[in-house]
Amino acid sequence: MDTLHVAAQRSDYHSSHQWYVADRWDQHLEALREENADLKKLQRDFITTVQQLKEERDDLKQANTKFSPQMSQLEAKFSSVGISYFPVIGVG
């Protein structure tokens, strides 16, 4: 499908106003194409970031599960020598 600008070049449009409108329309369409490309890139970047965050979350959950027994043992040892607070950061 021809743009309005191409149609104007083929003399389908005759007045200077029609030429102006066609030119402005082409500029608008080009700006929309550029904006759409930018938005698609942002979407891809966002999806990649979300995937990376999910992977990091899963890694932290695995580490938390792996080290939870050791943390409990350390809490018990600290408690036995009078240290009553040993923070455990939960992930989940």
PDB file of N, CA and C in Angstrom:
ATOM      1  N   MET A   1       0.846  -1.185   0.000  1.00  0.00           N
ATOM      2  CA  MET A   1       0.000   0.000   0.000  1.00  0.00           C
ATOM      3  C   MET A   1       0.886   1.241   0.000  1.00  0.00           C
ATOM      4  N   ASP A   2       0.608   2.136  -0.898  1.00  0.00           N
ATOM      5  CA  ASP A   2       1.374   3.373  -0.987  1.00  0.00           C
ATOM      6  C   ASP A   2       1.045   4.288   0.180  1.00  0.00           C
ATOM      7  N   THR A   3       2.064   5.025   0.609  1.00  0.00           N
ATOM      8  CA  THR A   3       1.792   6.069   1.590  1.00  0.00           C
ATOM      9  C   THR A   3       1.135   7.229   0.857  1.00  0.00           C
ATOM     10  N   LEU A   4       0.584   8.135   1.608  1.00  0.00           N
ATOM     11  CA  LEU A   4      -0.041   9.308   0.995  1.00  0.00           C
ATOM     12  C   LEU A   4       0.986  10.111   0.213  1.00  0.00           C
ATOM     13  N   HIS A   5       2.215  10.140   0.706  1.00  0.00           N
ATOM     14  CA  HIS A   5       3.272  10.887   0.042  1.00  0.00           C
ATOM     15  C   HIS A   5       3.552  10.306  -1.343  1.00  0.00           C
ATOM     16  N   VAL A   6       3.619   8.972  -1.437  1.00  0.00           N
ATOM     17  CA  VAL A   6       3.850   8.316  -2.728  1.00  0.00           C
ATOM     18  C   VAL A   6       2.672   8.574  -3.660  1.00  0.00           C
ATOM     19  N   ALA A   7       1.472   8.496  -3.121  1.00  0.00           N
ATOM     20  CA  ALA A   7       0.290   8.771  -3.938  1.00  0.00           C
ATOM     21  C   ALA A   7       0.325  10.205  -4.460  1.00  0.00           C
ATOM     22  N   ALA A   8       0.790  11.122  -3.619  1.00  0.00           N
ATOM     23  CA  ALA A   8       0.886  12.520  -4.047  1.00  0.00           C
ATOM     24  C   ALA A   8       1.913  12.673  -5.161  1.00  0.00           C
ATOM     25  N   GLN A   9       3.010  11.937  -5.073  1.00  0.00           N
ATOM     26  CA  GLN A   9       4.024  12.000  -6.126  1.00  0.00           C
ATOM     27  C   GLN A   9       3.483  11.474  -7.454  1.00  0.00           C
ATOM     28  N   ARG A  10       2.566  10.523  -7.400  1.00  0.00           N
ATOM     29  CA  ARG A  10       1.984   9.971  -8.628  1.00  0.00           C
ATOM     30  C   ARG A  10       0.877  10.876  -9.167  1.00  0.00           C
ATOM     31  N   SER A  11       0.684  12.006  -8.544  1.00  0.00           N
ATOM     32  CA  SER A  11      -0.322  12.997  -8.948  1.00  0.00           C
ATOM     33  C   SER A  11      -1.742  12.573  -8.621  1.00  0.00           C
ATOM     34  N   ASP A  12      -1.901  11.640  -7.684  1.00  0.00           N
ATOM     35  CA  ASP A  12      -3.250  11.329  -7.208  1.00  0.00           C
ATOM     36  C   ASP A  12      -3.774  12.485  -6.361  1.00  0.00           C
ATOM     37  N   TYR A  13      -2.860  13.278  -5.823  1.00  0.00           N
ATOM     38  CA  TYR A  13      -3.216  14.471  -5.066  1.00  0.00           C
ATOM     39  C   TYR A  13      -2.670  15.661  -5.844  1.00  0.00           C
ATOM     40  N   HIS A  14      -3.470  16.691  -5.957  1.00  0.00           N
ATOM     41  CA  HIS A  14      -3.074  17.797  -6.826  1.00  0.00           C
ATOM     42  C   HIS A  14      -2.804  19.099  -6.086  1.00  0.00           C
ATOM     43  N   SER A  15      -3.507  19.369  -5.019  1.00  0.00           N
ATOM     44  CA  SER A  15      -3.342  20.674  -4.371  1.00  0.00           C
ATOM     45  C   SER A  15      -2.144  20.658  -3.419  1.00  0.00           C
ATOM     46  N   SER A  16      -1.628  21.842  -3.147  1.00  0.00           N
ATOM     47  CA  SER A  16      -0.499  21.954  -2.214  1.00  0.00           C
ATOM     48  C   SER A  16      -0.927  21.530  -0.812  1.00  0.00           C
ATOM     49  N   HIS A  17      -2.192  21.776  -0.473  1.00  0.00           N
ATOM     50  CA  HIS A  17      -2.686  21.349   0.841  1.00  0.00           C
ATOM     51  C   HIS A  17      -2.676  19.821   0.944  1.00  0.00           C
ATOM     52  N   GLN A  18      -3.118  19.143  -0.109  1.00  0.00           N
ATOM     53  CA  GLN A  18      -3.103  17.679  -0.089  1.00  0.00           C
ATOM     54  C   GLN A  18      -1.672  17.159   0.022  1.00  0.00           C
ATOM     55  N   TRP A  19      -0.747  17.816  -0.668  1.00  0.00           N
ATOM     56  CA  TRP A  19       0.659  17.423  -0.584  1.00  0.00           C
ATOM     57  C   TRP A  19       1.166  17.607   0.843  1.00  0.00           C
ATOM     58  N   TYR A  20       0.822  18.747   1.464  1.00  0.00           N
ATOM     59  CA  TYR A  20       1.244  19.033   2.835  1.00  0.00           C
ATOM     60  C   TYR A  20       0.692  17.984   3.797  1.00  0.00           C
ATOM     61  N   VAL A  21      -0.598  17.670   3.665  1.00  0.00           N
ATOM     62  CA  VAL A  21      -1.229  16.674   4.539  1.00  0.00           C
ATOM     63  C   VAL A  21      -0.554  15.317   4.359  1.00  0.00           C
ATOM     64  N   ALA A  22      -0.288  14.947   3.116  1.00  0.00           N
ATOM     65  CA  ALA A  22       0.357  13.662   2.846  1.00  0.00           C
ATOM     66  C   ALA A  22       1.754  13.620   3.469  1.00  0.00           C
ATOM     67  N   ASP A  23       2.485  14.703   3.352  1.00  0.00           N
ATOM     68  CA  ASP A  23       3.834  14.759   3.911  1.00  0.00           C
ATOM     69  C   ASP A  23       3.794  14.672   5.432  1.00  0.00           C
ATOM     70  N   ARG A  24       2.889  15.404   6.044  1.00  0.00           N
ATOM     71  CA  ARG A  24       2.746  15.360   7.510  1.00  0.00           C
ATOM     72  C   ARG A  24       2.334  13.963   7.964  1.00  0.00           C
ATOM     73  N   TRP A  25       1.451  13.326   7.215  1.00  0.00           N
ATOM     74  CA  TRP A  25       1.002  11.979   7.560  1.00  0.00           C
ATOM     75  C   TRP A  25       2.186  11.007   7.515  1.00  0.00           C
ATOM     76  N   ASP A  26       3.016  11.107   6.490  1.00  0.00           N
ATOM     77  CA  ASP A  26       4.201  10.250   6.387  1.00  0.00           C
ATOM     78  C   ASP A  26       5.149  10.480   7.566  1.00  0.00           C
ATOM     79  N   GLN A  27       5.321  11.739   7.948  1.00  0.00           N
ATOM     80  CA  GLN A  27       6.179  12.043   9.095  1.00  0.00           C
ATOM     81  C   GLN A  27       5.618  11.416  10.367  1.00  0.00           C
ATOM     82  N   HIS A  28       4.308  11.518  10.515  1.00  0.00           N
ATOM     83  CA  HIS A  28       3.648  10.952  11.687  1.00  0.00           C
ATOM     84  C   HIS A  28       3.813   9.431  11.713  1.00  0.00           C
ATOM     85  N   LEU A  29       3.602   8.782  10.574  1.00  0.00           N
ATOM     86  CA  LEU A  29       3.754   7.328  10.506  1.00  0.00           C
ATOM     87  C   LEU A  29       5.184   6.904  10.818  1.00  0.00           C
ATOM     88  N   GLU A  30       6.150   7.637  10.313  1.00  0.00           N
ATOM     89  CA  GLU A  30       7.556   7.303  10.586  1.00  0.00           C
ATOM     90  C   GLU A  30       7.862   7.451  12.073  1.00  0.00           C
ATOM     91  N   ALA A  31       7.348   8.496  12.693  1.00  0.00           N
ATOM     92  CA  ALA A  31       7.547   8.686  14.132  1.00  0.00           C
ATOM     93  C   ALA A  31       6.917   7.540  14.915  1.00  0.00           C
ATOM     94  N   LEU A  32       5.739   7.101  14.490  1.00  0.00           N
ATOM     95  CA  LEU A  32       5.086   5.973  15.157  1.00  0.00           C
ATOM     96  C   LEU A  32       5.885   4.684  14.983  1.00  0.00           C
ATOM     97  N   ARG A  33       6.449   4.473  13.804  1.00  0.00           N
ATOM     98  CA  ARG A  33       7.283   3.279  13.581  1.00  0.00           C
ATOM     99  C   ARG A  33       8.498   3.289  14.508  1.00  0.00           C
ATOM    100  N   GLU A  34       9.136   4.449  14.632  1.00  0.00           N
ATOM    101  CA  GLU A  34      10.301   4.566  15.509  1.00  0.00           C
ATOM    102  C   GLU A  34       9.912   4.331  16.965  1.00  0.00           C
ATOM    103  N   GLU A  35       8.793   4.913  17.373  1.00  0.00           N
ATOM    104  CA  GLU A  35       8.334   4.727  18.747  1.00  0.00           C
ATOM    105  C   GLU A  35       7.993   3.262  19.004  1.00  0.00           C
ATOM    106  N   ASN A  36       7.366   2.620  18.034  1.00  0.00           N
ATOM    107  CA  ASN A  36       7.027   1.208  18.168  1.00  0.00           C
ATOM    108  C   ASN A  36       8.291   0.362  18.312  1.00  0.00           C
ATOM    109  N   ALA A  37       9.318   0.668  17.524  1.00  0.00           N
ATOM    110  CA  ALA A  37      10.585  -0.067  17.622  1.00  0.00           C
ATOM    111  C   ALA A  37      11.212   0.133  19.002  1.00  0.00           C
ATOM    112  N   ASP A  38      11.168   1.371  19.502  1.00  0.00           N
ATOM    113  CA  ASP A  38      11.703   1.652  20.840  1.00  0.00           C
ATOM    114  C   ASP A  38      10.942   0.873  21.906  1.00  0.00           C
ATOM    115  N   LEU A  39       9.615   0.846  21.784  1.00  0.00           N
ATOM    116  CA  LEU A  39       8.799   0.124  22.758  1.00  0.00           C
ATOM    117  C   LEU A  39       9.062  -1.376  22.710  1.00  0.00           C
ATOM    118  N   LYS A  40       9.254  -1.914  21.519  1.00  0.00           N
ATOM    119  CA  LYS A  40       9.564  -3.344  21.400  1.00  0.00           C
ATOM    120  C   LYS A  40      10.899  -3.663  22.064  1.00  0.00           C
ATOM    121  N   LYS A  41      11.889  -2.780  21.899  1.00  0.00           N
ATOM    122  CA  LYS A  41      13.182  -2.995  22.550  1.00  0.00           C
ATOM    123  C   LYS A  41      13.027  -2.927  24.064  1.00  0.00           C
ATOM    124  N   LEU A  42      12.280  -1.948  24.555  1.00  0.00           N
ATOM    125  CA  LEU A  42      12.036  -1.849  25.995  1.00  0.00           C
ATOM    126  C   LEU A  42      11.335  -3.094  26.518  1.00  0.00           C
ATOM    127  N   GLN A  43      10.380  -3.608  25.747  1.00  0.00           N
ATOM    128  CA  GLN A  43       9.666  -4.816  26.148  1.00  0.00           C
ATOM    129  C   GLN A  43      10.629  -6.002  26.239  1.00  0.00           C
ATOM    130  N   ARG A  44      11.502  -6.151  25.239  1.00  0.00           N
ATOM    131  CA  ARG A  44      12.483  -7.245  25.267  1.00  0.00           C
ATOM    132  C   ARG A  44      13.414  -7.100  26.472  1.00  0.00           C
ATOM    133  N   ASP A  45      13.875  -5.873  26.724  1.00  0.00           N
ATOM    134  CA  ASP A  45      14.753  -5.629  27.872  1.00  0.00           C
ATOM    135  C   ASP A  45      14.039  -5.941  29.182  1.00  0.00           C
ATOM    136  N   PHE A  46      12.774  -5.560  29.274  1.00  0.00           N
ATOM    137  CA  PHE A  46      11.988  -5.819  30.479  1.00  0.00           C
ATOM    138  C   PHE A  46      11.826  -7.318  30.703  1.00  0.00           C
ATOM    139  N   ILE A  47      11.496  -8.047  29.647  1.00  0.00           N
ATOM    140  CA  ILE A  47      11.323  -9.499  29.756  1.00  0.00           C
ATOM    141  C   ILE A  47      12.632 -10.150  30.198  1.00  0.00           C
ATOM    142  N   THR A  48      13.750  -9.699  29.641  1.00  0.00           N
ATOM    143  CA  THR A  48      15.057 -10.236  30.025  1.00  0.00           C
ATOM    144  C   THR A  48      15.339  -9.959  31.498  1.00  0.00           C
ATOM    145  N   THR A  49      15.056  -8.736  31.936  1.00  0.00           N
ATOM    146  CA  THR A  49      15.287  -8.371  33.332  1.00  0.00           C
ATOM    147  C   THR A  49      14.426  -9.196  34.269  1.00  0.00           C
ATOM    148  N   VAL A  50      13.166  -9.375  33.933  1.00  0.00           N
ATOM    149  CA  VAL A  50      12.270 -10.181  34.766  1.00  0.00           C
ATOM    150  C   VAL A  50      12.780 -11.612  34.852  1.00  0.00           C
ATOM    151  N   GLN A  51      13.214 -12.169  33.726  1.00  0.00           N
ATOM    152  CA  GLN A  51      13.739 -13.533  33.722  1.00  0.00           C
ATOM    153  C   GLN A  51      14.980 -13.641  34.609  1.00  0.00           C
ATOM    154  N   GLN A  52      15.868 -12.655  34.522  1.00  0.00           N
ATOM    155  CA  GLN A  52      17.069 -12.664  35.362  1.00  0.00           C
ATOM    156  C   GLN A  52      16.708 -12.579  36.839  1.00  0.00           C
ATOM    157  N   LEU A  53      15.734 -11.737  37.165  1.00  0.00           N
ATOM    158  CA  LEU A  53      15.305 -11.614  38.560  1.00  0.00           C
ATOM    159  C   LEU A  53      14.685 -12.911  39.066  1.00  0.00           C
ATOM    160  N   LYS A  54      13.920 -13.590  38.218  1.00  0.00           N
ATOM    161  CA  LYS A  54      13.347 -14.880  38.612  1.00  0.00           C
ATOM    162  C   LYS A  54      14.445 -15.903  38.879  1.00  0.00           C
ATOM    163  N   GLU A  55      15.460 -15.914  38.023  1.00  0.00           N
ATOM    164  CA  GLU A  55      16.572 -16.846  38.216  1.00  0.00           C
ATOM    165  C   GLU A  55      17.322 -16.538  39.510  1.00  0.00           C
ATOM    166  N   GLU A  56      17.556 -15.257  39.783  1.00  0.00           N
ATOM    167  CA  GLU A  56      18.224 -14.867  41.025  1.00  0.00           C
ATOM    168  C   GLU A  56      17.384 -15.253  42.234  1.00  0.00           C
ATOM    169  N   ARG A  57      16.074 -15.048  42.142  1.00  0.00           N
ATOM    170  CA  ARG A  57      15.183 -15.428  43.236  1.00  0.00           C
ATOM    171  C   ARG A  57      15.268 -16.923  43.488  1.00  0.00           C
ATOM    172  N   ASP A  58      15.240 -17.711  42.404  1.00  0.00           N
ATOM    173  CA  ASP A  58      15.326 -19.164  42.553  1.00  0.00           C
ATOM    174  C   ASP A  58      16.656 -19.572  43.180  1.00  0.00           C
ATOM    175  N   ASP A  59      17.744 -18.920  42.761  1.00  0.00           N
ATOM    176  CA  ASP A  59      19.056 -19.209  43.351  1.00  0.00           C
ATOM    177  C   ASP A  59      19.061 -18.899  44.844  1.00  0.00           C
ATOM    178  N   LEU A  60      18.463 -17.767  45.225  1.00  0.00           N
ATOM    179  CA  LEU A  60      18.402 -17.398  46.643  1.00  0.00           C
ATOM    180  C   LEU A  60      17.547 -18.376  47.439  1.00  0.00           C
ATOM    181  N   LYS A  61      16.456 -18.830  46.847  1.00  0.00           N
ATOM    182  CA  LYS A  61      15.619 -19.821  47.530  1.00  0.00           C
ATOM    183  C   LYS A  61      16.395 -21.111  47.755  1.00  0.00           C
ATOM    184  N   GLN A  62      17.149 -21.541  46.738  1.00  0.00           N
ATOM    185  CA  GLN A  62      17.948 -22.758  46.880  1.00  0.00           C
ATOM    186  C   GLN A  62      19.015 -22.585  47.956  1.00  0.00           C
ATOM    187  N   ALA A  63      19.668 -21.430  47.965  1.00  0.00           N
ATOM    188  CA  ALA A  63      20.691 -21.169  48.979  1.00  0.00           C
ATOM    189  C   ALA A  63      20.074 -21.136  50.365  1.00  0.00           C
ATOM    190  N   ASN A  64      18.912 -20.530  50.484  1.00  0.00           N
ATOM    191  CA  ASN A  64      18.226 -20.459  51.768  1.00  0.00           C
ATOM    192  C   ASN A  64      17.886 -21.861  52.260  1.00  0.00           C
ATOM    193  N   THR A  65      17.392 -22.699  51.368  1.00  0.00           N
ATOM    194  CA  THR A  65      17.050 -24.077  51.735  1.00  0.00           C
ATOM    195  C   THR A  65      18.313 -24.849  52.118  1.00  0.00           C
ATOM    196  N   LYS A  66      19.370 -24.651  51.351  1.00  0.00           N
ATOM    197  CA  LYS A  66      20.627 -25.373  51.584  1.00  0.00           C
ATOM    198  C   LYS A  66      21.254 -24.990  52.925  1.00  0.00           C
ATOM    199  N   PHE A  67      21.230 -23.694  53.255  1.00  0.00           N
ATOM    200  CA  PHE A  67      21.931 -23.232  54.444  1.00  0.00           C
ATOM    201  C   PHE A  67      21.035 -23.086  55.672  1.00  0.00           C
ATOM    202  N   SER A  68      19.761 -23.346  55.545  1.00  0.00           N
ATOM    203  CA  SER A  68      18.845 -23.211  56.675  1.00  0.00           C
ATOM    204  C   SER A  68      19.245 -24.090  57.862  1.00  0.00           C
ATOM    205  N   PRO A  69      19.598 -25.369  57.648  1.00  0.00           N
ATOM    206  CA  PRO A  69      20.002 -26.190  58.800  1.00  0.00           C
ATOM    207  C   PRO A  69      21.252 -25.632  59.504  1.00  0.00           C
ATOM    208  N   GLN A  70      22.234 -25.172  58.728  1.00  0.00           N
ATOM    209  CA  GLN A  70      23.435 -24.602  59.337  1.00  0.00           C
ATOM    210  C   GLN A  70      23.100 -23.340  60.129  1.00  0.00           C
ATOM    211  N   MET A  71      22.187 -22.543  59.604  1.00  0.00           N
ATOM    212  CA  MET A  71      21.786 -21.323  60.310  1.00  0.00           C
ATOM    213  C   MET A  71      21.126 -21.674  61.639  1.00  0.00           C
ATOM    214  N   SER A  72      20.309 -22.705  61.634  1.00  0.00           N
ATOM    215  CA  SER A  72      19.667 -23.132  62.882  1.00  0.00           C
ATOM    216  C   SER A  72      20.718 -23.580  63.891  1.00  0.00           C
ATOM    217  N   GLN A  73      21.732 -24.306  63.423  1.00  0.00           N
ATOM    218  CA  GLN A  73      22.805 -24.751  64.320  1.00  0.00           C
ATOM    219  C   GLN A  73      23.573 -23.553  64.875  1.00  0.00           C
ATOM    220  N   LEU A  74      23.867 -22.578  64.020  1.00  0.00           N
ATOM    221  CA  LEU A  74      24.566 -21.380  64.492  1.00  0.00           C
ATOM    222  C   LEU A  74      23.733 -20.608  65.502  1.00  0.00           C
ATOM    223  N   GLU A  75      22.433 -20.503  65.243  1.00  0.00           N
ATOM    224  CA  GLU A  75      21.554 -19.822  66.196  1.00  0.00           C
ATOM    225  C   GLU A  75      21.610 -20.509  67.548  1.00  0.00           C
ATOM    226  N   ALA A  76      21.587 -21.838  67.528  1.00  0.00           N
ATOM    227  CA  ALA A  76      21.640 -22.592  68.782  1.00  0.00           C
ATOM    228  C   ALA A  76      22.972 -22.351  69.496  1.00  0.00           C
ATOM    229  N   LYS A  77      24.074 -22.339  68.755  1.00  0.00           N
ATOM    230  CA  LYS A  77      25.388 -22.106  69.365  1.00  0.00           C
ATOM    231  C   LYS A  77      25.483 -20.698  69.943  1.00  0.00           C
ATOM    232  N   PHE A  78      25.016 -19.703  69.197  1.00  0.00           N
ATOM    233  CA  PHE A  78      25.053 -18.332  69.698  1.00  0.00           C
ATOM    234  C   PHE A  78      24.157 -18.187  70.921  1.00  0.00           C
ATOM    235  N   SER A  79      23.022 -18.826  70.871  1.00  0.00           N
ATOM    236  CA  SER A  79      22.091 -18.760  71.992  1.00  0.00           C
ATOM    237  C   SER A  79      22.723 -19.380  73.239  1.00  0.00           C
ATOM    238  N   SER A  80      23.479 -20.450  73.047  1.00  0.00           N
ATOM    239  CA  SER A  80      24.087 -21.140  74.196  1.00  0.00           C
ATOM    240  C   SER A  80      25.177 -20.301  74.866  1.00  0.00           C
ATOM    241  N   VAL A  81      25.723 -19.325  74.160  1.00  0.00           N
ATOM    242  CA  VAL A  81      26.750 -18.463  74.769  1.00  0.00           C
ATOM    243  C   VAL A  81      26.199 -17.082  75.109  1.00  0.00           C
ATOM    244  N   GLY A  82      24.889 -16.948  75.095  1.00  0.00           N
ATOM    245  CA  GLY A  82      24.263 -15.719  75.546  1.00  0.00           C
ATOM    246  C   GLY A  82      23.928 -14.707  74.468  1.00  0.00           C
ATOM    247  N   ILE A  83      24.146 -15.050  73.234  1.00  0.00           N
ATOM    248  CA  ILE A  83      23.750 -14.146  72.155  1.00  0.00           C
ATOM    249  C   ILE A  83      22.376 -14.604  71.695  1.00  0.00           C
ATOM    250  N   SER A  84      21.389 -13.732  71.937  1.00  0.00           N
ATOM    251  CA  SER A  84      20.011 -14.178  71.721  1.00  0.00           C
ATOM    252  C   SER A  84      19.451 -13.841  70.346  1.00  0.00           C
ATOM    253  N   TYR A  85      20.155 -13.032  69.603  1.00  0.00           N
ATOM    254  CA  TYR A  85      19.589 -12.651  68.302  1.00  0.00           C
ATOM    255  C   TYR A  85      20.607 -12.892  67.202  1.00  0.00           C
ATOM    256  N   PHE A  86      20.235 -13.702  66.272  1.00  0.00           N
ATOM    257  CA  PHE A  86      21.052 -13.955  65.085  1.00  0.00           C
ATOM    258  C   PHE A  86      20.093 -13.923  63.910  1.00  0.00           C
ATOM    259  N   PRO A  87      20.054 -12.804  63.171  1.00  0.00           N
ATOM    260  CA  PRO A  87      19.020 -12.649  62.138  1.00  0.00           C
ATOM    261  C   PRO A  87      19.183 -13.634  60.977  1.00  0.00           C
ATOM    262  N   VAL A  88      18.074 -14.149  60.553  1.00  0.00           N
ATOM    263  CA  VAL A  88      18.025 -15.008  59.373  1.00  0.00           C
ATOM    264  C   VAL A  88      17.151 -14.301  58.362  1.00  0.00           C
ATOM    265  N   ILE A  89      17.698 -14.085  57.203  1.00  0.00           N
ATOM    266  CA  ILE A  89      16.943 -13.401  56.154  1.00  0.00           C
ATOM    267  C   ILE A  89      16.245 -14.451  55.321  1.00  0.00           C
ATOM    268  N   GLY A  90      14.929 -14.405  55.333  1.00  0.00           N
ATOM    269  CA  GLY A  90      14.157 -15.368  54.560  1.00  0.00           C
ATOM    270  C   GLY A  90      13.926 -14.890  53.148  1.00  0.00           C
ATOM    271  N   VAL A  91      13.837 -15.808  52.254  1.00  0.00           N
ATOM    272  CA  VAL A  91      13.538 -15.515  50.854  1.00  0.00           C
ATOM    273  C   VAL A  91      12.279 -16.279  50.510  1.00  0.00           C
ATOM    274  N   GLY A  92      11.349 -15.582  49.909  1.00  0.00           N
ATOM    275  CA  GLY A  92      10.175 -16.342  49.525  1.00  0.00           C
ATOM    276  C   GLY A  92       8.995 -15.579  49.242  1.00  0.00           C
TER     277      GLY A  92
END
